[in-house]
């Protein structure tokens, strides 16, 4: 018995068609034949009248990159700050979005003491907190135009109360403090055992002399580094805090060092100093299914860094937005998978259009190498795919469980398939993948002759559950001359298979270029080769 309404509460009151796709491997247990449910995909359509009413935002698109945010641990509220706008909260429930100024507690007769200037006397000229974070159950705000070095901490468990207490013996009461070093407070990170601040001149750790809650009577600020930070919200990655340097062109990783008895900052862009020349706009970390730090840039492009905090292994990659300009990015977790959402400006009918786009690369544990795709489960025979008006005039590819078709041009929201299909399918715009090695360093000739010229006589790739790519423009072939299946989730290589290409005749100083120009998965764990001497 499968009761889907227990997993999807909305279905308990839903009236309509529900499609269920179940993966049921068959096994023999002794002399018994059994089947078990490995996964189930449920799809249904909401009432077309169900819409989400828009909300009026106090920020312009030019102000997006200066917004910082933190999720309340007590409610579904998201807190947003900007130096020119009073702090706001955002909630979403039952298809209703609410956005408004935070109703901070106001001082009253016989009540607590001083309040922040942006609570009692808000003035755009004096500014509002530019940085936010959370620590020990408090909302932490910092750095206005009037008081750029000041930090305000709310009462523990009450994120609207920033009024200083008259009785300072209670450790859960609000507290305020001023940094003793010059510099605007740029970011606040409180996810670890202690709290970290980045200013325009340095980075600091905030702690106390004893275990327990930080308070206004027991608080220590210790400088950790003097790199200086940009006004880019820091991101917690494992046990590390990642932040942008003051020029926005370097990504730093700060973690505690037993050797130094202090936090040290490592430059993660040291080997790729060009990668962030567009200047960091935001840092967004996706943990599952791949650990990737995404970095949208002020020039409208974005980059990513595949990163394993445990082994400190990293690799940078740039991404083309295909005519779009990325204004901002954020990560969100759904069903155990992190998805990246981007605010992108694209030309629609000749006019700029601001839209929210989600970046997702997995469907039921299978890689999808397409943009703007849809996955459809169906039974029957299909010769045309309709409903593609959003892709009008573009070349798309269609991938089934057994085959790959494309490119097919969308006309009147429809594509015609070269042959009928009878399985579920994915349709979308493919993106190409390319990896290129750096040029080899030439070995100096220690003899008196001109020496010889070396070429790659053999290039090898170690692939992980991947389809076969091209190497220097030459298509790899399947082992034993078999034809590679290009169906969804079907890979030519196993977990770790080696493939070799011979007689390429390339100069050893030239880079090796590996490309996959079809919407297929490509994961490379190693590139190696054999050099052969040739007479001049």
Protein backbone atom coordinates (compact mmCIF):
# COMPACT_ATOMS: atom_id res chain seq x y z
CA UNK A 1 0.00 0.00 0.00
CA UNK A 2 1.40 3.38 -1.06
CA UNK A 3 -0.17 6.39 0.68
CA UNK A 4 1.36 9.37 -1.12
CA UNK A 5 -0.68 11.93 0.85
CA UNK A 6 1.44 11.10 3.91
CA UNK A 7 4.54 12.28 2.04
CA UNK A 8 2.76 15.13 0.21
CA UNK A 9 0.08 16.59 2.54
CA UNK A 10 -1.39 18.74 -0.28
CA UNK A 11 -2.69 15.56 -1.95
CA UNK A 12 -5.07 14.83 0.95
CA UNK A 13 -7.45 17.47 -0.47
CA UNK A 14 -6.38 17.29 -4.12
CA UNK A 15 -8.83 16.33 -6.86
CA UNK A 16 -7.32 15.49 -10.23
CA UNK A 17 -4.87 13.23 -12.02
CA UNK A 18 -1.84 11.97 -10.11
CA UNK A 19 0.99 10.26 -12.02
CA UNK A 20 3.26 7.93 -10.05
CA UNK A 21 6.49 6.54 -11.50
CA UNK A 22 7.94 3.79 -9.27
CA UNK A 23 11.35 2.14 -9.53
CA UNK A 24 10.95 -1.49 -8.35
CA UNK A 25 14.01 -3.74 -8.78
CA UNK A 26 13.24 -7.49 -8.71
CA UNK A 27 15.38 -9.83 -6.60
CA UNK A 28 15.45 -13.52 -5.66
CA UNK A 29 15.61 -14.23 -1.93
CA UNK A 30 16.20 -17.93 -1.61
CA UNK A 31 13.43 -19.56 -3.60
CA UNK A 32 11.19 -16.50 -3.32
CA UNK A 33 10.75 -13.77 -5.92
CA UNK A 34 10.37 -10.26 -4.46
CA UNK A 35 10.16 -6.66 -5.57
CA UNK A 36 10.89 -3.60 -3.45
CA UNK A 37 10.27 0.09 -4.03
CA UNK A 38 13.54 1.97 -4.52
CA UNK A 39 12.06 5.35 -5.44
CA UNK A 40 8.77 6.94 -6.43
CA UNK A 41 8.18 10.08 -8.49
CA UNK A 42 4.79 11.75 -7.98
CA UNK A 43 3.56 14.50 -10.32
CA UNK A 44 0.31 16.43 -10.22
CA UNK A 45 -1.02 19.78 -11.40
CA UNK A 46 -2.19 22.54 -9.10
CA UNK A 47 -5.31 24.52 -9.86
CA UNK A 48 -4.44 27.07 -12.55
CA UNK A 49 -5.98 29.78 -10.36
CA UNK A 50 -3.38 29.21 -7.62
CA UNK A 51 -1.03 32.19 -7.81
CA UNK A 52 1.30 34.04 -5.50
CA UNK A 53 0.54 37.74 -5.19
CA UNK A 54 3.59 39.95 -5.85
CA UNK A 55 5.04 42.05 -3.05
CA UNK A 56 6.52 45.53 -3.31
CA UNK A 57 10.25 45.45 -2.57
CA UNK A 58 12.01 48.51 -1.13
CA UNK A 59 15.22 47.75 -3.05
CA UNK A 60 16.09 48.38 -6.67
CA UNK A 61 17.87 45.83 -8.87
CA UNK A 62 21.05 47.90 -8.48
CA UNK A 63 20.91 47.34 -4.71
CA UNK A 64 20.62 43.53 -4.79
CA UNK A 65 24.33 42.86 -4.30
CA UNK A 66 24.41 44.91 -1.05
CA UNK A 67 21.58 42.93 0.59
CA UNK A 68 22.58 40.51 3.34
CA UNK A 69 20.22 37.99 4.91
CA UNK A 70 19.88 35.46 7.73
CA UNK A 71 17.20 32.85 8.49
CA UNK A 72 15.46 33.00 11.87
CA UNK A 73 15.76 29.72 13.80
CA UNK A 74 12.45 30.38 15.56
CA UNK A 75 10.08 31.19 12.69
CA UNK A 76 10.02 30.98 8.89
CA UNK A 77 11.15 34.60 8.68
CA UNK A 78 14.09 35.64 6.54
CA UNK A 79 15.79 38.82 7.77
CA UNK A 80 17.24 41.17 5.10
CA UNK A 81 19.49 44.18 5.62
CA UNK A 82 20.79 46.95 3.37
CA UNK A 83 22.73 50.10 4.37
CA UNK A 84 20.09 52.38 2.74
CA UNK A 85 16.90 50.55 3.81
CA UNK A 86 15.49 49.70 7.23
CA UNK A 87 15.82 45.95 8.00
CA UNK A 88 12.97 43.87 6.55
CA UNK A 89 11.51 40.42 7.15
CA UNK A 90 10.13 38.03 4.53
CA UNK A 91 7.78 35.09 5.10
CA UNK A 92 6.06 32.66 2.75
CA UNK A 93 3.23 30.38 3.83
CA UNK A 94 0.13 28.94 2.14
CA UNK A 95 1.05 30.63 -1.18
CA UNK A 96 1.10 34.02 0.56
CA UNK A 97 4.32 36.09 0.61
CA UNK A 98 4.79 38.88 3.17
CA UNK A 99 7.55 41.47 3.10
CA UNK A 100 7.75 44.38 5.50
CA UNK A 101 9.86 46.42 7.96
CA UNK A 102 10.79 44.58 11.14
CA UNK A 103 8.65 45.88 14.06
CA UNK A 104 11.51 46.50 16.47
CA UNK A 105 10.65 46.95 20.13
CA UNK A 106 10.51 50.62 21.09
CA UNK A 107 11.75 52.02 24.42
CA UNK A 108 9.05 52.93 26.94
CA UNK A 109 8.74 54.50 30.37
CA UNK A 110 10.54 52.49 33.02
CA UNK A 111 11.64 50.04 30.37
CA UNK A 112 15.14 49.17 29.22
CA UNK A 113 17.83 51.67 28.33
CA UNK A 114 19.32 52.89 25.05
CA UNK A 115 18.16 51.71 21.63
CA UNK A 116 19.96 51.80 18.26
CA UNK A 117 19.56 55.04 16.31
CA UNK A 118 17.86 53.17 13.44
CA UNK A 119 15.14 52.06 15.88
CA UNK A 120 14.34 55.33 17.68
CA UNK A 121 15.28 57.85 15.02
CA UNK A 122 15.58 56.20 11.58
CA UNK A 123 17.15 58.51 9.02
CA UNK A 124 18.42 57.42 5.56
CA UNK A 125 21.33 59.84 5.94
CA UNK A 126 22.46 57.96 9.08
CA UNK A 127 21.92 54.63 7.35
CA UNK A 128 20.90 51.20 8.62
CA UNK A 129 22.82 48.01 9.50
CA UNK A 130 24.80 46.80 6.47
CA UNK A 131 25.67 43.36 7.84
CA UNK A 132 23.68 40.65 9.61
CA UNK A 133 24.19 37.25 11.14
CA UNK A 134 23.00 34.97 13.92
CA UNK A 135 24.84 33.72 17.00
CA UNK A 136 23.69 31.96 20.18
CA UNK A 137 20.04 32.59 19.38
CA UNK A 138 20.53 36.31 18.73
CA UNK A 139 20.15 38.44 15.62
CA UNK A 140 23.44 40.30 15.12
CA UNK A 141 23.42 43.54 13.09
CA UNK A 142 26.35 45.84 12.38
CA UNK A 143 27.73 48.87 10.60
CA UNK A 144 25.55 51.84 9.69
CA UNK A 145 26.73 55.08 8.05
CA UNK A 146 26.47 56.88 11.40
CA UNK A 147 28.18 54.14 13.40
CA UNK A 148 30.20 52.04 10.94
CA UNK A 149 32.14 50.15 13.64
CA UNK A 150 29.23 49.34 15.93
CA UNK A 151 27.54 45.95 16.43
CA UNK A 152 24.06 45.41 17.89
CA UNK A 153 23.00 42.04 19.35
CA UNK A 154 19.35 41.29 20.11
CA UNK A 155 18.02 39.49 23.14
CA UNK A 156 18.51 35.73 22.86
CA UNK A 157 15.33 34.28 21.45
CA UNK A 158 13.75 37.65 20.65
CA UNK A 159 14.99 39.11 17.37
CA UNK A 160 13.07 42.39 17.62
CA UNK A 161 14.46 43.47 21.01
CA UNK A 162 17.68 45.50 20.77
CA UNK A 163 17.07 47.67 23.88
CA UNK A 164 19.96 47.71 26.32
CA UNK A 165 19.04 46.38 29.78
CA UNK A 166 19.28 48.37 32.99
CA UNK A 167 20.29 45.11 34.74
CA UNK A 168 23.49 43.89 33.07
CA UNK A 169 23.73 40.70 35.15
CA UNK A 170 21.45 38.75 32.76
CA UNK A 171 23.50 37.13 30.01
CA UNK A 172 20.60 36.69 27.56
CA UNK A 173 19.86 40.44 27.33
CA UNK A 174 20.78 42.57 24.28
CA UNK A 175 24.24 44.13 24.07
CA UNK A 176 26.02 46.68 21.85
CA UNK A 177 29.73 47.19 21.29
CA UNK A 178 32.08 49.24 19.13
CA UNK A 179 35.01 47.68 17.32
CA UNK A 180 38.29 49.17 18.52
CA UNK A 181 39.88 49.02 15.06
CA UNK A 182 39.01 51.35 12.20
CA UNK A 183 36.95 50.04 9.30
CA UNK A 184 33.36 49.49 8.18
CA UNK A 185 31.81 46.25 9.37
CA UNK A 186 31.29 44.30 6.14
CA UNK A 187 30.05 40.88 7.25
CA UNK A 188 29.10 38.89 10.36
CA UNK A 189 29.39 35.09 10.63
CA UNK A 190 28.24 33.29 13.77
CA UNK A 191 27.75 29.70 12.64
CA UNK A 192 30.71 28.16 14.48
CA UNK A 193 31.77 28.02 18.12
CA UNK A 194 32.61 31.71 18.05
CA UNK A 195 31.57 34.75 16.06
CA UNK A 196 33.58 36.35 13.26
CA UNK A 197 33.46 39.86 11.81
CA UNK A 198 35.05 41.18 8.65
CA UNK A 199 35.78 44.90 8.33
CA UNK A 200 37.20 46.91 5.47
CA UNK A 201 40.65 46.64 7.09
CA UNK A 202 40.80 43.36 9.03
CA UNK A 203 39.04 40.22 10.26
CA UNK A 204 38.19 39.61 13.92
CA UNK A 205 37.06 36.80 16.25
CA UNK A 206 34.62 37.63 19.05
CA UNK A 207 34.54 35.47 22.15
CA UNK A 208 34.30 35.54 25.92
CA UNK A 209 36.55 34.59 28.82
CA UNK A 210 34.16 31.87 30.00
CA UNK A 211 31.85 29.35 28.40
CA UNK A 212 28.26 30.42 27.89
CA UNK A 213 26.46 33.27 26.17
CA UNK A 214 28.36 36.33 25.05
CA UNK A 215 27.27 39.39 26.99
CA UNK A 216 28.05 43.09 27.18
CA UNK A 217 30.11 42.50 30.34
CA UNK A 218 32.17 39.57 29.01
CA UNK A 219 33.23 40.09 25.42
CA UNK A 220 36.62 39.94 23.73
CA UNK A 221 37.49 41.09 20.18
CA UNK A 222 40.71 39.66 18.72
CA UNK A 223 42.19 40.51 15.33
CA UNK A 224 42.83 37.41 13.19
CA UNK A 225 44.14 38.83 9.90
CA UNK A 226 44.60 42.15 8.13
CA UNK A 227 43.43 41.28 4.62
CA UNK A 228 40.39 43.55 4.73
CA UNK A 229 36.98 42.47 3.45
CA UNK A 230 34.57 43.59 0.76
CA UNK A 231 30.89 44.18 1.53
CA UNK A 232 30.06 40.61 0.50
CA UNK A 233 28.31 38.32 2.98
CA UNK A 234 30.62 35.61 4.27
CA UNK A 235 29.63 31.96 3.86
CA UNK A 236 30.17 29.04 6.21
CA UNK A 237 31.70 26.04 4.39
CA UNK A 238 32.28 23.11 6.73
CA UNK A 239 34.52 24.44 9.51
CA UNK A 240 35.69 27.36 7.40
CA UNK A 241 34.45 30.89 6.81
CA UNK A 242 34.83 32.13 3.25
CA UNK A 243 34.97 35.85 2.50
CA UNK A 244 36.00 38.23 -0.28
CA UNK A 245 39.02 40.53 0.04
CA UNK A 246 38.50 44.28 -0.06
CA UNK A 247 39.02 44.46 -3.85
CA UNK A 248 36.51 41.64 -4.44
CA UNK A 249 38.97 39.68 -6.58
CA UNK A 250 40.17 37.04 -4.10
CA UNK A 251 38.25 34.40 -2.16
CA UNK A 252 39.71 33.68 1.26
CA UNK A 253 39.12 30.71 3.55
CA UNK A 254 39.52 31.34 7.29
CA UNK A 255 39.79 28.49 9.79
CA UNK A 256 41.36 27.96 13.19
CA UNK A 257 45.01 26.88 13.25
CA UNK A 258 46.35 24.90 16.23
CA UNK A 259 49.86 25.87 15.19
CA UNK A 260 49.15 29.60 15.22
CA UNK A 261 46.60 29.46 18.04
CA UNK A 262 44.67 31.83 15.84
CA UNK A 263 42.56 31.79 12.69
CA UNK A 264 44.48 31.83 9.42
CA UNK A 265 43.22 32.90 6.01
CA UNK A 266 44.22 31.02 2.83
CA UNK A 267 43.82 32.49 -0.65
CA UNK A 268 41.71 30.02 -2.67
CA UNK A 269 42.30 31.99 -5.89
CA UNK A 270 46.11 31.92 -5.62
CA UNK A 271 46.43 29.45 -8.50
CA UNK A 272 43.72 31.18 -10.59
CA UNK A 273 44.17 34.92 -10.01
CA UNK A 274 42.12 35.74 -13.13
CA UNK A 275 38.98 33.83 -12.14
CA UNK A 276 37.36 36.62 -10.08
CA UNK A 277 38.50 39.62 -12.08
CA UNK A 278 34.81 40.54 -12.49
CA UNK A 279 34.70 41.09 -8.67
CA UNK A 280 32.69 38.97 -6.27
CA UNK A 281 29.06 39.87 -5.75
CA UNK A 282 28.01 37.04 -3.42
CA UNK A 283 29.12 33.63 -2.13
CA UNK A 284 26.62 30.73 -2.29
CA UNK A 285 27.52 27.22 -1.12
CA UNK A 286 25.76 24.10 -2.40
CA UNK A 287 26.60 20.95 -0.44
CA UNK A 288 24.60 18.24 -2.20
CA UNK A 289 24.92 16.49 -4.58
CA UNK A 290 28.24 18.29 -5.25
CA UNK A 291 30.19 20.59 -2.96
CA UNK A 292 30.44 23.76 -5.04
CA UNK A 293 30.98 27.36 -3.97
CA UNK A 294 29.16 29.58 -6.50
CA UNK A 295 30.41 33.12 -7.06
CA UNK A 296 28.27 35.57 -9.07
CA UNK A 297 30.35 38.55 -10.24
CA UNK A 298 29.63 42.25 -10.56
CA UNK A 299 30.18 42.05 -14.34
CA UNK A 300 27.14 39.76 -14.70
CA UNK A 301 29.01 36.45 -15.14
CA UNK A 302 29.46 33.74 -12.53
CA UNK A 303 32.05 31.17 -11.57
CA UNK A 304 32.11 28.08 -9.40
CA UNK A 305 34.67 26.34 -7.23
CA UNK A 306 34.33 22.61 -6.66
CA UNK A 307 35.70 22.24 -3.15
CA UNK A 308 36.25 19.50 -0.59
CA UNK A 309 36.93 21.16 2.79
CA UNK A 310 38.36 17.94 4.27
CA UNK A 311 41.10 17.40 1.68
CA UNK A 312 41.39 21.08 0.65
CA UNK A 313 40.97 19.97 -2.97
CA UNK A 314 39.54 22.60 -5.29
CA UNK A 315 38.96 23.40 -8.94
CA UNK A 316 37.60 26.59 -10.50
CA UNK A 317 35.22 26.77 -13.48
CA UNK A 318 33.56 29.63 -15.39
CA UNK A 319 30.00 29.54 -16.75
CA UNK A 320 28.38 31.31 -19.67
CA UNK A 321 24.86 32.61 -19.01
CA UNK A 322 23.96 32.49 -22.73
CA UNK A 323 23.04 36.14 -23.13
CA UNK A 324 21.85 36.70 -19.56
CA UNK A 325 23.22 38.98 -16.84
CA UNK A 326 23.31 37.44 -13.35
CA UNK A 327 22.40 39.97 -10.65
CA UNK A 328 22.48 37.67 -7.63
CA UNK A 329 22.48 34.07 -6.40
CA UNK A 330 21.35 32.13 -3.35
CA UNK A 331 21.15 28.48 -2.35
CA UNK A 332 18.12 26.58 -1.05
CA UNK A 333 17.71 22.98 0.06
CA UNK A 334 14.83 20.84 -1.16
CA UNK A 335 14.46 17.12 -0.40
CA UNK A 336 18.11 16.83 0.65
CA UNK A 337 19.46 18.51 -2.50
CA UNK A 338 20.87 22.03 -2.70
CA UNK A 339 19.60 24.14 -5.58
CA UNK A 340 21.04 27.42 -6.75
CA UNK A 341 18.62 30.24 -7.58
CA UNK A 342 19.71 33.21 -9.67
CA UNK A 343 18.16 36.59 -10.44
CA UNK A 344 18.92 37.02 -14.15
CA UNK A 345 18.16 39.76 -16.67
CA UNK A 346 17.38 38.35 -20.13
CA UNK A 347 16.05 39.90 -23.31
CA UNK A 348 12.44 38.84 -23.91
CA UNK A 349 10.79 40.20 -27.06
CA UNK A 350 13.52 42.82 -27.30
CA UNK A 351 13.03 44.10 -23.74
CA UNK A 352 15.04 43.36 -20.56
CA UNK A 353 13.19 40.97 -18.25
CA UNK A 354 14.20 40.20 -14.65
CA UNK A 355 13.46 36.58 -13.81
CA UNK A 356 14.25 34.02 -11.14
CA UNK A 357 15.96 30.89 -12.44
CA UNK A 358 16.79 27.65 -10.63
CA UNK A 359 19.91 25.67 -11.44
CA UNK A 360 19.46 21.95 -10.96
CA UNK A 361 21.62 19.20 -12.41
CA UNK A 362 20.05 16.05 -10.93
CA UNK A 363 16.74 14.23 -11.45
CA UNK A 364 16.30 11.02 -9.44
CA UNK A 365 20.10 10.76 -8.96
CA UNK A 366 20.74 11.17 -12.71
CA UNK A 367 22.66 14.07 -14.22
CA UNK A 368 20.79 16.41 -16.59
CA UNK A 369 23.14 18.50 -18.76
CA UNK A 370 20.44 20.90 -20.00
CA UNK A 371 19.12 24.35 -19.16
CA UNK A 372 15.43 25.25 -18.94
CA UNK A 373 14.47 21.59 -19.14
CA UNK A 374 11.34 19.65 -18.26
CA UNK A 375 11.09 15.99 -17.26
CA UNK A 376 7.89 14.21 -18.33
CA UNK A 377 6.75 10.74 -17.30
CA UNK A 378 4.27 9.14 -19.69
CA UNK A 379 3.10 5.87 -21.20
CA UNK A 380 2.21 5.53 -24.87
CA UNK A 381 3.68 6.71 -28.16
CA UNK A 382 4.75 10.27 -28.89
CA UNK A 383 5.84 11.90 -32.16
CA UNK A 384 5.66 15.56 -31.11
CA UNK A 385 6.37 17.48 -27.90
CA UNK A 386 4.23 20.55 -27.26
CA UNK A 387 4.11 23.25 -24.59
CA UNK A 388 7.60 24.62 -25.37
CA UNK A 389 6.61 28.24 -26.03
CA UNK A 390 9.25 29.39 -23.53
CA UNK A 391 11.92 27.96 -25.89
CA UNK A 392 10.45 29.34 -29.11
CA UNK A 393 13.01 29.49 -31.93
CA UNK A 394 15.73 27.72 -29.93
CA UNK A 395 17.44 24.41 -30.68
CA UNK A 396 16.60 21.80 -28.04
CA UNK A 397 17.53 18.18 -27.42
CA UNK A 398 15.31 15.35 -26.28
CA UNK A 399 16.71 12.55 -24.14
CA UNK A 400 14.80 9.37 -23.34
CA UNK A 401 15.82 6.39 -21.23
CA UNK A 402 17.38 4.84 -24.34
CA UNK A 403 18.35 7.54 -26.85
CA UNK A 404 19.26 11.18 -27.52
CA UNK A 405 17.73 13.36 -30.28
CA UNK A 406 18.82 16.78 -31.43
CA UNK A 407 19.20 19.51 -32.24
CA UNK A 408 15.47 20.11 -32.85
CA UNK A 409 14.15 23.64 -33.40
CA UNK A 410 11.06 24.76 -31.50
CA UNK A 411 8.34 26.21 -33.77
CA UNK A 412 4.95 27.32 -32.42
CA UNK A 413 5.90 25.74 -29.09
CA UNK A 414 6.37 22.31 -30.69
CA UNK A 415 9.18 20.00 -31.82
CA UNK A 416 8.74 17.00 -34.11
CA UNK A 417 10.72 13.90 -33.17
CA UNK A 418 12.70 11.99 -35.83
CA UNK A 419 11.06 8.76 -34.61
CA UNK A 420 8.31 7.89 -32.14
CA UNK A 421 9.30 7.54 -28.48
CA UNK A 422 7.58 5.32 -25.92
CA UNK A 423 9.37 6.24 -22.68
CA UNK A 424 9.66 9.20 -20.33
CA UNK A 425 11.78 12.05 -21.66
CA UNK A 426 13.69 15.23 -20.86
CA UNK A 427 13.63 18.21 -23.23
CA UNK A 428 15.77 21.33 -22.86
CA UNK A 429 18.61 23.50 -24.14
CA UNK A 430 21.96 21.67 -23.87
CA UNK A 431 25.09 23.21 -22.45
CA UNK A 432 28.58 22.20 -23.56
CA UNK A 433 31.41 21.29 -21.21
CA UNK A 434 35.11 21.89 -21.75
CA UNK A 435 38.22 21.37 -19.69
CA UNK A 436 41.65 22.48 -20.86
CA UNK A 437 45.02 21.78 -19.25
CA UNK A 438 47.59 24.51 -18.75
CA UNK A 439 50.58 24.52 -21.13
CA UNK A 440 53.41 22.23 -20.06
CA UNK A 441 56.58 23.85 -18.75
CA UNK A 442 59.40 23.22 -21.26
CA UNK A 443 62.47 21.40 -19.99
CA UNK A 444 65.69 23.34 -20.64
CA UNK A 445 68.06 21.74 -23.11
CA UNK A 446 71.24 20.96 -21.20
CA UNK A 447 73.12 19.56 -24.20
CA UNK A 448 74.74 21.30 -27.14
CA UNK A 449 72.28 20.12 -29.78
CA UNK A 450 68.86 21.42 -30.61
CA UNK A 451 67.34 18.31 -29.04
CA UNK A 452 64.09 16.79 -30.21
CA UNK A 453 60.47 17.75 -30.33
CA UNK A 454 58.07 15.83 -28.09
CA UNK A 455 54.50 14.98 -28.99
CA UNK A 456 51.68 13.23 -27.17
CA UNK A 457 51.51 9.76 -28.71
CA UNK A 458 48.91 8.69 -26.17
CA UNK A 459 46.44 10.62 -23.99
CA UNK A 460 44.43 8.93 -21.26
CA UNK A 461 41.36 9.98 -19.31
CA UNK A 462 40.02 8.48 -16.12
CA UNK A 463 36.24 8.90 -16.18
CA UNK A 464 33.66 8.55 -13.41
CA UNK A 465 30.23 7.38 -14.57
CA UNK A 466 30.46 9.47 -17.73
CA UNK A 467 29.71 9.49 -21.41
CA UNK A 468 32.66 9.55 -23.79
CA UNK A 469 33.99 13.02 -24.70
CA UNK A 470 36.25 14.38 -27.42
CA UNK A 471 39.96 14.89 -26.78
CA UNK A 472 41.63 17.51 -28.94
CA UNK A 473 38.66 17.20 -31.27
CA UNK A 474 38.81 13.41 -31.62
CA UNK A 475 35.83 11.40 -30.33
CA UNK A 476 36.65 8.63 -27.88
CA UNK A 477 35.25 5.20 -28.70
CA UNK A 478 33.59 2.66 -26.44
CA UNK A 479 35.63 -0.35 -25.34
CA UNK A 480 35.36 -3.45 -27.58
CA UNK A 481 33.94 -1.27 -30.39
CA UNK A 482 30.50 -1.26 -28.76
CA UNK A 483 28.04 1.54 -29.52
CA UNK A 484 27.60 3.91 -26.60
CA UNK A 485 24.04 4.34 -25.36
CA UNK A 486 23.14 7.99 -24.79
CA UNK A 487 20.00 7.38 -22.76
CA UNK A 488 19.26 9.27 -19.57
CA UNK A 489 21.39 7.97 -16.71
CA UNK A 490 23.22 5.42 -18.90
CA UNK A 491 27.00 5.91 -18.88
CA UNK A 492 29.72 4.41 -21.05
CA UNK A 493 32.24 4.33 -18.22
CA UNK A 494 31.93 2.64 -14.86
CA UNK A 495 32.90 4.13 -11.52
CA UNK A 496 36.54 4.57 -12.60
CA UNK A 497 37.43 3.56 -16.16
CA UNK A 498 40.48 4.58 -18.22
CA UNK A 499 40.16 5.52 -21.89
CA UNK A 500 43.11 6.16 -24.20
CA UNK A 501 43.51 8.01 -27.48
CA UNK A 502 46.64 7.35 -29.58
CA UNK A 503 48.58 9.01 -32.41
CA UNK A 504 47.26 12.52 -31.81
CA UNK A 505 50.46 14.23 -32.99
CA UNK A 506 50.20 17.24 -30.67
CA UNK A 507 53.13 19.40 -29.55
CA UNK A 508 53.70 18.81 -25.85
CA UNK A 509 53.53 22.53 -25.09
CA UNK A 510 49.96 22.73 -26.33
CA UNK A 511 47.11 22.13 -23.86
CA UNK A 512 44.92 19.05 -23.87
CA UNK A 513 41.29 20.02 -24.51
CA UNK A 514 38.46 17.71 -23.46
CA UNK A 515 34.95 18.64 -24.65
CA UNK A 516 31.46 17.25 -24.40
CA UNK A 517 29.17 19.11 -26.82
CA UNK A 518 26.14 16.87 -26.29
CA UNK A 519 23.93 17.07 -23.16
CA UNK A 520 25.69 14.17 -21.44
CA UNK A 521 27.45 13.79 -18.12
CA UNK A 522 31.23 14.31 -18.00
CA UNK A 523 33.25 13.77 -14.81
CA UNK A 524 37.04 13.53 -15.19
CA UNK A 525 39.18 12.36 -12.27
CA UNK A 526 42.50 12.26 -14.12
CA UNK A 527 44.30 13.26 -17.34
CA UNK A 528 47.57 11.58 -18.25
CA UNK A 529 49.62 10.92 -21.37
CA UNK A 530 52.74 9.53 -23.01
CA UNK A 531 55.31 11.78 -24.68
CA UNK A 532 57.41 10.55 -27.61
CA UNK A 533 60.63 12.11 -28.93
CA UNK A 534 60.81 12.94 -32.63
CA UNK A 535 63.83 13.95 -34.67
CA UNK A 536 63.86 17.48 -36.10
